[in-house]
Amino acid sequence: MVPRYIICEKRNSIRPMQCSNNHNEQMIFFPEASDFIASNTKETIELTRAHSKSFVEDIKKEARNQKLWVSIGVHEQVTNV
């Protein structure tokens, strides 16, 4: 089950991308940690594993649909730490 705030963050990121064609934008910048803000390290690791890939894939899909260059910061799983 995807936590509600992950869904909201995805919606909050995609909505401005969908409005971009109305204003003829070619690129959009989002802040780091646009996918979620966790309350602790354990939650960060769990959410990164479970949801970051689908979040990024949805952003990429919308960027292609809108013909828009996107800069967005998301959590990535680190290996060999």
C-alpha atoms as a PDB file:
ATOM      1  CA  MET A   1       0.000   0.000   0.000  1.00  0.00           C
ATOM      2  CA  VAL A   2       1.366   3.395  -0.985  1.00  0.00           C
ATOM      3  CA  PRO A   3       1.279   5.872   1.907  1.00  0.00           C
ATOM      4  CA  ARG A   4      -1.116   8.746   1.351  1.00  0.00           C
ATOM      5  CA  TYR A   5       1.600  11.403   1.485  1.00  0.00           C
ATOM      6  CA  ILE A   6       3.549   9.657  -1.312  1.00  0.00           C
ATOM      7  CA  ILE A   7       0.449   9.885  -3.496  1.00  0.00           C
ATOM      8  CA  CYS A   8       0.021  13.561  -2.558  1.00  0.00           C
ATOM      9  CA  GLU A   9       3.650  14.366  -3.376  1.00  0.00           C
ATOM     10  CA  LYS A  10       3.310  12.664  -6.749  1.00  0.00           C
ATOM     11  CA  ARG A  11       0.121  14.602  -7.437  1.00  0.00           C
ATOM     12  CA  ASN A  12       1.767  17.851  -6.301  1.00  0.00           C
ATOM     13  CA  SER A  13       4.646  17.250  -8.706  1.00  0.00           C
ATOM     14  CA  ILE A  14       2.594  16.180 -11.717  1.00  0.00           C
ATOM     15  CA  ARG A  15      -0.026  18.947 -11.477  1.00  0.00           C
ATOM     16  CA  PRO A  16       2.383  21.835 -12.308  1.00  0.00           C
ATOM     17  CA  MET A  17       3.815  19.749 -15.148  1.00  0.00           C
ATOM     18  CA  GLN A  18       0.337  19.372 -16.639  1.00  0.00           C
ATOM     19  CA  CYS A  19      -0.223  23.142 -16.408  1.00  0.00           C
ATOM     20  CA  SER A  20       3.085  23.913 -18.114  1.00  0.00           C
ATOM     21  CA  ASN A  21       1.693  23.721 -21.650  1.00  0.00           C
ATOM     22  CA  ASN A  22      -0.757  26.499 -20.826  1.00  0.00           C
ATOM     23  CA  HIS A  23       2.204  28.820 -20.279  1.00  0.00           C
ATOM     24  CA  ASN A  24       4.598  27.433 -22.903  1.00  0.00           C
ATOM     25  CA  GLU A  25       7.249  26.357 -20.358  1.00  0.00           C
ATOM     26  CA  GLN A  26      10.072  24.127 -21.515  1.00  0.00           C
ATOM     27  CA  MET A  27      11.525  23.107 -18.157  1.00  0.00           C
ATOM     28  CA  ILE A  28      10.515  22.880 -14.527  1.00  0.00           C
ATOM     29  CA  PHE A  29      12.592  22.613 -11.348  1.00  0.00           C
ATOM     30  CA  PHE A  30      11.438  20.866  -8.185  1.00  0.00           C
ATOM     31  CA  PRO A  31      13.276  20.847  -4.834  1.00  0.00           C
ATOM     32  CA  GLU A  32      15.243  17.964  -3.419  1.00  0.00           C
ATOM     33  CA  ALA A  33      13.231  15.323  -1.567  1.00  0.00           C
ATOM     34  CA  SER A  34      10.223  15.920  -3.793  1.00  0.00           C
ATOM     35  CA  ASP A  35       9.128  12.317  -3.368  1.00  0.00           C
ATOM     36  CA  PHE A  36       8.701  12.311   0.436  1.00  0.00           C
ATOM     37  CA  ILE A  37       9.979  13.566   3.764  1.00  0.00           C
ATOM     38  CA  ALA A  38      10.376  10.753   6.257  1.00  0.00           C
ATOM     39  CA  SER A  39      10.290  11.105  10.016  1.00  0.00           C
ATOM     40  CA  ASN A  40      13.307   8.861  10.684  1.00  0.00           C
ATOM     41  CA  THR A  41      16.068   6.824   9.017  1.00  0.00           C
ATOM     42  CA  LYS A  42      14.138   3.550   9.048  1.00  0.00           C
ATOM     43  CA  GLU A  43      11.148   5.124   7.342  1.00  0.00           C
ATOM     44  CA  THR A  44      13.423   6.767   4.751  1.00  0.00           C
ATOM     45  CA  ILE A  45      14.968   3.417   3.838  1.00  0.00           C
ATOM     46  CA  GLU A  46      11.588   1.669   3.644  1.00  0.00           C
ATOM     47  CA  LEU A  47       9.988   4.362   1.503  1.00  0.00           C
ATOM     48  CA  THR A  48      13.009   4.614  -0.782  1.00  0.00           C
ATOM     49  CA  ARG A  49      12.932   0.896  -1.506  1.00  0.00           C
ATOM     50  CA  ALA A  50       9.198   0.695  -1.979  1.00  0.00           C
ATOM     51  CA  HIS A  51       8.194   3.844  -3.814  1.00  0.00           C
ATOM     52  CA  SER A  52      10.985   5.925  -5.352  1.00  0.00           C
ATOM     53  CA  LYS A  53      11.161   3.973  -8.614  1.00  0.00           C
ATOM     54  CA  SER A  54       7.432   4.296  -9.325  1.00  0.00           C
ATOM     55  CA  PHE A  55       7.533   7.996  -8.380  1.00  0.00           C
ATOM     56  CA  VAL A  56      10.375   8.656 -10.832  1.00  0.00           C
ATOM     57  CA  GLU A  57       8.740   6.584 -13.576  1.00  0.00           C
ATOM     58  CA  ASP A  58       5.505   8.580 -13.243  1.00  0.00           C
ATOM     59  CA  ILE A  59       7.424  11.885 -13.374  1.00  0.00           C
ATOM     60  CA  LYS A  60       9.349  10.708 -16.459  1.00  0.00           C
ATOM     61  CA  LYS A  61       6.130   9.642 -18.174  1.00  0.00           C
ATOM     62  CA  GLU A  62       4.477  12.998 -17.532  1.00  0.00           C
ATOM     63  CA  ALA A  63       7.610  14.870 -18.657  1.00  0.00           C
ATOM     64  CA  ARG A  64       7.521  12.978 -21.970  1.00  0.00           C
ATOM     65  CA  ASN A  65       3.792  13.641 -22.359  1.00  0.00           C
ATOM     66  CA  GLN A  66       4.277  17.360 -21.753  1.00  0.00           C
ATOM     67  CA  LYS A  67       7.561  17.585 -23.730  1.00  0.00           C
ATOM     68  CA  LEU A  68       9.098  19.138 -20.637  1.00  0.00           C
ATOM     69  CA  TRP A  69      12.600  19.012 -19.144  1.00  0.00           C
ATOM     70  CA  VAL A  70      12.344  18.216 -15.421  1.00  0.00           C
ATOM     71  CA  SER A  71      14.856  18.604 -12.614  1.00  0.00           C
ATOM     72  CA  ILE A  72      13.651  16.839  -9.482  1.00  0.00           C
ATOM     73  CA  GLY A  73      15.396  15.576  -6.363  1.00  0.00           C
ATOM     74  CA  VAL A  74      14.400  12.171  -5.014  1.00  0.00           C
ATOM     75  CA  HIS A  75      15.737   9.662  -2.526  1.00  0.00           C
ATOM     76  CA  GLU A  76      17.900   6.890  -3.965  1.00  0.00           C
ATOM     77  CA  GLN A  77      18.853   3.621  -2.375  1.00  0.00           C
ATOM     78  CA  VAL A  78      22.570   3.428  -1.653  1.00  0.00           C
ATOM     79  CA  THR A  79      24.458   0.150  -1.871  1.00  0.00           C
ATOM     80  CA  ASN A  80      27.817  -0.856  -0.396  1.00  0.00           C
ATOM     81  CA  VAL A  81      27.629   1.472   2.572  1.00  0.00           C
END
